[in-house]
Amino acid sequence: FVGWPTRGMAIDPASWKHVEHAGITIEPVT
């Protein structure tokens, strides 16, 4: 087998600082 390192990571969404991104739009997939 060939392996690569990974990391389990976490964050509380309430602590996230939102940033505006000019020219970028994000749309939910339907």
ModelCIF file with pLDDT and N, C-alpha, C, O atoms, coordinates in Angstrom:
data_MODEL
#
_entry.id   MODEL 
#
_entity.id                         1 
_entity.type                       polymer 
_entity.pdbx_number_of_molecules   1 
#
_entity_poly.entity_id                      1 
_entity_poly.type                           'polypeptide(L)' 
_entity_poly.nstd_linkage                   no 
_entity_poly.nstd_monomer                   no 
_entity_poly.pdbx_seq_one_letter_code       FVGWPTRGMAIDPASWKHVEHAGITIEPVT 
_entity_poly.pdbx_seq_one_letter_code_can   FVGWPTRGMAIDPASWKHVEHAGITIEPVT 
_entity_poly.pdbx_strand_id                 A 
#
loop_
_entity_poly_seq.entity_id 
_entity_poly_seq.num 
_entity_poly_seq.mon_id 
_entity_poly_seq.hetero 
1 1  PHE n 
1 2  VAL n 
1 3  GLY n 
1 4  TRP n 
1 5  PRO n 
1 6  THR n 
1 7  ARG n 
1 8  GLY n 
1 9  MET n 
1 10 ALA n 
1 11 ILE n 
1 12 ASP n 
1 13 PRO n 
1 14 ALA n 
1 15 SER n 
1 16 TRP n 
1 17 LYS n 
1 18 HIS n 
1 19 VAL n 
1 20 GLU n 
1 21 HIS n 
1 22 ALA n 
1 23 GLY n 
1 24 ILE n 
1 25 THR n 
1 26 ILE n 
1 27 GLU n 
1 28 PRO n 
1 29 VAL n 
1 30 THR n 
#
_struct_asym.id          A 
_struct_asym.entity_id   1 
#
loop_
_ma_qa_metric.id 
_ma_qa_metric.mode 
_ma_qa_metric.name 
_ma_qa_metric.software_group_id 
_ma_qa_metric.type 
1 global pLDDT . pLDDT 
2 local  pLDDT . pLDDT 
#
_ma_qa_metric_global.metric_id      1 
_ma_qa_metric_global.metric_value   94.30 
_ma_qa_metric_global.model_id       1 
_ma_qa_metric_global.ordinal_id     1 
#
loop_
_ma_qa_metric_local.label_asym_id 
_ma_qa_metric_local.label_comp_id 
_ma_qa_metric_local.label_seq_id 
_ma_qa_metric_local.metric_id 
_ma_qa_metric_local.metric_value 
_ma_qa_metric_local.model_id 
_ma_qa_metric_local.ordinal_id 
A PHE 1  2 98.00 1 1  
A VAL 2  2 98.00 1 2  
A GLY 3  2 97.00 1 3  
A TRP 4  2 98.00 1 4  
A PRO 5  2 98.00 1 5  
A THR 6  2 98.00 1 6  
A ARG 7  2 98.00 1 7  
A GLY 8  2 98.00 1 8  
A MET 9  2 98.00 1 9  
A ALA 10 2 98.00 1 10 
A ILE 11 2 98.00 1 11 
A ASP 12 2 97.00 1 12 
A PRO 13 2 96.00 1 13 
A ALA 14 2 94.00 1 14 
A SER 15 2 92.00 1 15 
A TRP 16 2 91.00 1 16 
A LYS 17 2 86.00 1 17 
A HIS 18 2 83.00 1 18 
A VAL 19 2 84.00 1 19 
A GLU 20 2 83.00 1 20 
A HIS 21 2 85.00 1 21 
A ALA 22 2 88.00 1 22 
A GLY 23 2 93.00 1 23 
A ILE 24 2 97.00 1 24 
A THR 25 2 96.00 1 25 
A ILE 26 2 97.00 1 26 
A GLU 27 2 97.00 1 27 
A PRO 28 2 98.00 1 28 
A VAL 29 2 98.00 1 29 
A THR 30 2 97.00 1 30 
#
loop_
_atom_site.group_PDB 
_atom_site.id 
_atom_site.type_symbol 
_atom_site.label_atom_id 
_atom_site.label_alt_id 
_atom_site.label_comp_id 
_atom_site.label_asym_id 
_atom_site.label_entity_id 
_atom_site.label_seq_id 
_atom_site.pdbx_PDB_ins_code 
_atom_site.Cartn_x 
_atom_site.Cartn_y 
_atom_site.Cartn_z 
_atom_site.occupancy 
_atom_site.B_iso_or_equiv 
_atom_site.pdbx_formal_charge 
_atom_site.auth_seq_id 
_atom_site.auth_comp_id 
_atom_site.auth_asym_id 
_atom_site.auth_atom_id 
_atom_site.pdbx_PDB_model_num 
ATOM 1   N N  . PHE A 1 1  ? 0.836   -1.200 0.000  1.00 98.00 ? 1  PHE A N  1 
ATOM 2   C CA . PHE A 1 1  ? 0.000   0.000  0.000  1.00 98.00 ? 1  PHE A CA 1 
ATOM 3   C C  . PHE A 1 1  ? 0.874   1.255  0.000  1.00 98.00 ? 1  PHE A C  1 
ATOM 4   O O  . PHE A 1 1  ? 1.969   1.261  0.562  1.00 98.00 ? 1  PHE A O  1 
ATOM 5   N N  . VAL A 1 2  ? 0.382   2.303  -0.630 1.00 98.00 ? 2  VAL A N  1 
ATOM 6   C CA . VAL A 1 2  ? 1.058   3.603  -0.651 1.00 98.00 ? 2  VAL A CA 1 
ATOM 7   C C  . VAL A 1 2  ? 0.242   4.570  0.189  1.00 98.00 ? 2  VAL A C  1 
ATOM 8   O O  . VAL A 1 2  ? -0.970  4.690  0.005  1.00 98.00 ? 2  VAL A O  1 
ATOM 9   N N  . GLY A 1 3  ? 0.908   5.266  1.116  1.00 97.00 ? 3  GLY A N  1 
ATOM 10  C CA . GLY A 1 3  ? 0.167   6.124  2.027  1.00 97.00 ? 3  GLY A CA 1 
ATOM 11  C C  . GLY A 1 3  ? 0.583   7.576  1.969  1.00 97.00 ? 3  GLY A C  1 
ATOM 12  O O  . GLY A 1 3  ? 1.647   7.914  1.450  1.00 97.00 ? 3  GLY A O  1 
ATOM 13  N N  . TRP A 1 4  ? -0.275  8.435  2.513  1.00 98.00 ? 4  TRP A N  1 
ATOM 14  C CA . TRP A 1 4  ? 0.037   9.850  2.653  1.00 98.00 ? 4  TRP A CA 1 
ATOM 15  C C  . TRP A 1 4  ? -0.550  10.333 3.981  1.00 98.00 ? 4  TRP A C  1 
ATOM 16  O O  . TRP A 1 4  ? -1.596  9.845  4.409  1.00 98.00 ? 4  TRP A O  1 
ATOM 17  N N  . PRO A 1 5  ? 0.118   11.291 4.636  1.00 98.00 ? 5  PRO A N  1 
ATOM 18  C CA . PRO A 1 5  ? -0.353  11.760 5.939  1.00 98.00 ? 5  PRO A CA 1 
ATOM 19  C C  . PRO A 1 5  ? -1.577  12.652 5.826  1.00 98.00 ? 5  PRO A C  1 
ATOM 20  O O  . PRO A 1 5  ? -1.706  13.442 4.891  1.00 98.00 ? 5  PRO A O  1 
ATOM 21  N N  . THR A 1 6  ? -2.466  12.514 6.786  1.00 98.00 ? 6  THR A N  1 
ATOM 22  C CA . THR A 1 6  ? -3.670  13.331 6.869  1.00 98.00 ? 6  THR A CA 1 
ATOM 23  C C  . THR A 1 6  ? -3.816  13.828 8.305  1.00 98.00 ? 6  THR A C  1 
ATOM 24  O O  . THR A 1 6  ? -3.077  13.426 9.203  1.00 98.00 ? 6  THR A O  1 
ATOM 25  N N  . ARG A 1 7  ? -4.784  14.708 8.491  1.00 98.00 ? 7  ARG A N  1 
ATOM 26  C CA . ARG A 1 7  ? -4.999  15.282 9.817  1.00 98.00 ? 7  ARG A CA 1 
ATOM 27  C C  . ARG A 1 7  ? -6.489  15.456 10.070 1.00 98.00 ? 7  ARG A C  1 
ATOM 28  O O  . ARG A 1 7  ? -7.200  16.011 9.232  1.00 98.00 ? 7  ARG A O  1 
ATOM 29  N N  . GLY A 1 8  ? -6.962  14.991 11.207 1.00 98.00 ? 8  GLY A N  1 
ATOM 30  C CA . GLY A 1 8  ? -8.326  15.262 11.619 1.00 98.00 ? 8  GLY A CA 1 
ATOM 31  C C  . GLY A 1 8  ? -8.383  16.643 12.241 1.00 98.00 ? 8  GLY A C  1 
ATOM 32  O O  . GLY A 1 8  ? -7.595  16.953 13.135 1.00 98.00 ? 8  GLY A O  1 
ATOM 33  N N  . MET A 1 9  ? -9.319  17.492 11.771 1.00 98.00 ? 9  MET A N  1 
ATOM 34  C CA . MET A 1 9  ? -9.354  18.888 12.191 1.00 98.00 ? 9  MET A CA 1 
ATOM 35  C C  . MET A 1 9  ? -10.789 19.320 12.484 1.00 98.00 ? 9  MET A C  1 
ATOM 36  O O  . MET A 1 9  ? -11.743 18.719 11.988 1.00 98.00 ? 9  MET A O  1 
ATOM 37  N N  . ALA A 1 10 ? -10.931 20.375 13.302 1.00 98.00 ? 10 ALA A N  1 
ATOM 38  C CA . ALA A 1 10 ? -12.258 20.812 13.713 1.00 98.00 ? 10 ALA A CA 1 
ATOM 39  C C  . ALA A 1 10 ? -12.278 22.311 13.966 1.00 98.00 ? 10 ALA A C  1 
ATOM 40  O O  . ALA A 1 10 ? -11.247 22.927 14.233 1.00 98.00 ? 10 ALA A O  1 
ATOM 41  N N  . ILE A 1 11 ? -13.472 22.885 13.876 1.00 98.00 ? 11 ILE A N  1 
ATOM 42  C CA . ILE A 1 11 ? -13.675 24.285 14.230 1.00 98.00 ? 11 ILE A CA 1 
ATOM 43  C C  . ILE A 1 11 ? -15.132 24.478 14.649 1.00 98.00 ? 11 ILE A C  1 
ATOM 44  O O  . ILE A 1 11 ? -16.025 23.782 14.165 1.00 98.00 ? 11 ILE A O  1 
ATOM 45  N N  . ASP A 1 12 ? -15.359 25.423 15.548 1.00 97.00 ? 12 ASP A N  1 
ATOM 46  C CA . ASP A 1 12 ? -16.709 25.847 15.897 1.00 97.00 ? 12 ASP A CA 1 
ATOM 47  C C  . ASP A 1 12 ? -17.123 26.893 14.871 1.00 97.00 ? 12 ASP A C  1 
ATOM 48  O O  . ASP A 1 12 ? -16.489 27.946 14.798 1.00 97.00 ? 12 ASP A O  1 
ATOM 49  N N  . PRO A 1 13 ? -18.154 26.647 14.080 1.00 96.00 ? 13 PRO A N  1 
ATOM 50  C CA . PRO A 1 13 ? -18.550 27.620 13.046 1.00 96.00 ? 13 PRO A CA 1 
ATOM 51  C C  . PRO A 1 13 ? -18.834 29.019 13.603 1.00 96.00 ? 13 PRO A C  1 
ATOM 52  O O  . PRO A 1 13 ? -18.677 30.015 12.897 1.00 96.00 ? 13 PRO A O  1 
ATOM 53  N N  . ALA A 1 14 ? -19.250 29.087 14.866 1.00 94.00 ? 14 ALA A N  1 
ATOM 54  C CA . ALA A 1 14 ? -19.550 30.398 15.453 1.00 94.00 ? 14 ALA A CA 1 
ATOM 55  C C  . ALA A 1 14 ? -18.308 31.249 15.622 1.00 94.00 ? 14 ALA A C  1 
ATOM 56  O O  . ALA A 1 14 ? -18.409 32.471 15.731 1.00 94.00 ? 14 ALA A O  1 
ATOM 57  N N  . SER A 1 15 ? -17.112 30.617 15.646 1.00 92.00 ? 15 SER A N  1 
ATOM 58  C CA . SER A 1 15 ? -15.866 31.364 15.825 1.00 92.00 ? 15 SER A CA 1 
ATOM 59  C C  . SER A 1 15 ? -15.275 31.844 14.506 1.00 92.00 ? 15 SER A C  1 
ATOM 60  O O  . SER A 1 15 ? -14.291 32.584 14.498 1.00 92.00 ? 15 SER A O  1 
ATOM 61  N N  . TRP A 1 16 ? -15.867 31.428 13.392 1.00 91.00 ? 16 TRP A N  1 
ATOM 62  C CA . TRP A 1 16 ? -15.325 31.739 12.071 1.00 91.00 ? 16 TRP A CA 1 
ATOM 63  C C  . TRP A 1 16 ? -15.578 33.198 11.712 1.00 91.00 ? 16 TRP A C  1 
ATOM 64  O O  . TRP A 1 16 ? -16.674 33.718 11.918 1.00 91.00 ? 16 TRP A O  1 
ATOM 65  N N  . LYS A 1 17 ? -14.564 33.843 11.181 1.00 86.00 ? 17 LYS A N  1 
ATOM 66  C CA . LYS A 1 17 ? -14.676 35.238 10.755 1.00 86.00 ? 17 LYS A CA 1 
ATOM 67  C C  . LYS A 1 17 ? -14.923 35.287 9.248  1.00 86.00 ? 17 LYS A C  1 
ATOM 68  O O  . LYS A 1 17 ? -14.065 34.906 8.452  1.00 86.00 ? 17 LYS A O  1 
ATOM 69  N N  . HIS A 1 18 ? -16.093 35.755 8.876  1.00 83.00 ? 18 HIS A N  1 
ATOM 70  C CA . HIS A 1 18 ? -16.462 35.827 7.470  1.00 83.00 ? 18 HIS A CA 1 
ATOM 71  C C  . HIS A 1 18 ? -15.694 36.949 6.763  1.00 83.00 ? 18 HIS A C  1 
ATOM 72  O O  . HIS A 1 18 ? -15.460 38.010 7.343  1.00 83.00 ? 18 HIS A O  1 
ATOM 73  N N  . VAL A 1 19 ? -15.305 36.707 5.506  1.00 84.00 ? 19 VAL A N  1 
ATOM 74  C CA . VAL A 1 19 ? -14.583 37.683 4.685  1.00 84.00 ? 19 VAL A CA 1 
ATOM 75  C C  . VAL A 1 19 ? -15.322 37.827 3.356  1.00 84.00 ? 19 VAL A C  1 
ATOM 76  O O  . VAL A 1 19 ? -15.752 36.832 2.773  1.00 84.00 ? 19 VAL A O  1 
ATOM 77  N N  . GLU A 1 20 ? -15.467 39.049 2.882  1.00 83.00 ? 20 GLU A N  1 
ATOM 78  C CA . GLU A 1 20 ? -16.086 39.277 1.581  1.00 83.00 ? 20 GLU A CA 1 
ATOM 79  C C  . GLU A 1 20 ? -15.084 38.990 0.461  1.00 83.00 ? 20 GLU A C  1 
ATOM 80  O O  . GLU A 1 20 ? -13.895 39.274 0.602  1.00 83.00 ? 20 GLU A O  1 
ATOM 81  N N  . HIS A 1 21 ? -15.560 38.433 -0.636 1.00 85.00 ? 21 HIS A N  1 
ATOM 82  C CA . HIS A 1 21 ? -14.689 38.051 -1.746 1.00 85.00 ? 21 HIS A CA 1 
ATOM 83  C C  . HIS A 1 21 ? -15.233 38.661 -3.033 1.00 85.00 ? 21 HIS A C  1 
ATOM 84  O O  . HIS A 1 21 ? -16.205 38.167 -3.605 1.00 85.00 ? 21 HIS A O  1 
ATOM 85  N N  . ALA A 1 22 ? -14.608 39.719 -3.473 1.00 88.00 ? 22 ALA A N  1 
ATOM 86  C CA . ALA A 1 22 ? -15.069 40.417 -4.670 1.00 88.00 ? 22 ALA A CA 1 
ATOM 87  C C  . ALA A 1 22 ? -14.984 39.510 -5.896 1.00 88.00 ? 22 ALA A C  1 
ATOM 88  O O  . ALA A 1 22 ? -13.960 38.869 -6.133 1.00 88.00 ? 22 ALA A O  1 
ATOM 89  N N  . GLY A 1 23 ? -16.058 39.463 -6.664 1.00 93.00 ? 23 GLY A N  1 
ATOM 90  C CA . GLY A 1 23 ? -16.078 38.698 -7.906 1.00 93.00 ? 23 GLY A CA 1 
ATOM 91  C C  . GLY A 1 23 ? -16.343 37.228 -7.733 1.00 93.00 ? 23 GLY A C  1 
ATOM 92  O O  . GLY A 1 23 ? -16.479 36.510 -8.724 1.00 93.00 ? 23 GLY A O  1 
ATOM 93  N N  . ILE A 1 24 ? -16.424 36.747 -6.480 1.00 97.00 ? 24 ILE A N  1 
ATOM 94  C CA . ILE A 1 24 ? -16.660 35.323 -6.228 1.00 97.00 ? 24 ILE A CA 1 
ATOM 95  C C  . ILE A 1 24 ? -18.074 35.149 -5.690 1.00 97.00 ? 24 ILE A C  1 
ATOM 96  O O  . ILE A 1 24 ? -18.473 35.824 -4.741 1.00 97.00 ? 24 ILE A O  1 
ATOM 97  N N  . THR A 1 25 ? -18.813 34.259 -6.289 1.00 96.00 ? 25 THR A N  1 
ATOM 98  C CA . THR A 1 25 ? -20.142 33.912 -5.789 1.00 96.00 ? 25 THR A CA 1 
ATOM 99  C C  . THR A 1 25 ? -20.171 32.423 -5.479 1.00 96.00 ? 25 THR A C  1 
ATOM 100 O O  . THR A 1 25 ? -19.542 31.621 -6.169 1.00 96.00 ? 25 THR A O  1 
ATOM 101 N N  . ILE A 1 26 ? -20.913 32.061 -4.426 1.00 97.00 ? 26 ILE A N  1 
ATOM 102 C CA . ILE A 1 26 ? -21.067 30.661 -4.027 1.00 97.00 ? 26 ILE A CA 1 
ATOM 103 C C  . ILE A 1 26 ? -22.542 30.323 -4.080 1.00 97.00 ? 26 ILE A C  1 
ATOM 104 O O  . ILE A 1 26 ? -23.366 31.010 -3.476 1.00 97.00 ? 26 ILE A O  1 
ATOM 105 N N  . GLU A 1 27 ? -22.877 29.263 -4.803 1.00 97.00 ? 27 GLU A N  1 
ATOM 106 C CA . GLU A 1 27 ? -24.277 28.883 -4.921 1.00 97.00 ? 27 GLU A CA 1 
ATOM 107 C C  . GLU A 1 27 ? -24.469 27.446 -4.460 1.00 97.00 ? 27 GLU A C  1 
ATOM 108 O O  . GLU A 1 27 ? -23.654 26.579 -4.776 1.00 97.00 ? 27 GLU A O  1 
ATOM 109 N N  . PRO A 1 28 ? -25.535 27.187 -3.717 1.00 98.00 ? 28 PRO A N  1 
ATOM 110 C CA . PRO A 1 28 ? -25.829 25.802 -3.344 1.00 98.00 ? 28 PRO A CA 1 
ATOM 111 C C  . PRO A 1 28 ? -26.186 24.990 -4.581 1.00 98.00 ? 28 PRO A C  1 
ATOM 112 O O  . PRO A 1 28 ? -26.778 25.508 -5.528 1.00 98.00 ? 28 PRO A O  1 
ATOM 113 N N  . VAL A 1 29 ? -25.827 23.740 -4.560 1.00 98.00 ? 29 VAL A N  1 
ATOM 114 C CA . VAL A 1 29 ? -26.089 22.875 -5.709 1.00 98.00 ? 29 VAL A CA 1 
ATOM 115 C C  . VAL A 1 29 ? -27.489 22.284 -5.585 1.00 98.00 ? 29 VAL A C  1 
ATOM 116 O O  . VAL A 1 29 ? -27.865 21.733 -4.550 1.00 98.00 ? 29 VAL A O  1 
ATOM 117 N N  . THR A 1 30 ? -28.237 22.412 -6.653 1.00 97.00 ? 30 THR A N  1 
ATOM 118 C CA . THR A 1 30 ? -29.576 21.836 -6.765 1.00 97.00 ? 30 THR A CA 1 
ATOM 119 C C  . THR A 1 30 ? -29.619 21.017 -8.055 1.00 97.00 ? 30 THR A C  1 
ATOM 120 O O  . THR A 1 30 ? -30.650 20.427 -8.377 1.00 97.00 ? 30 THR A O  1 
#
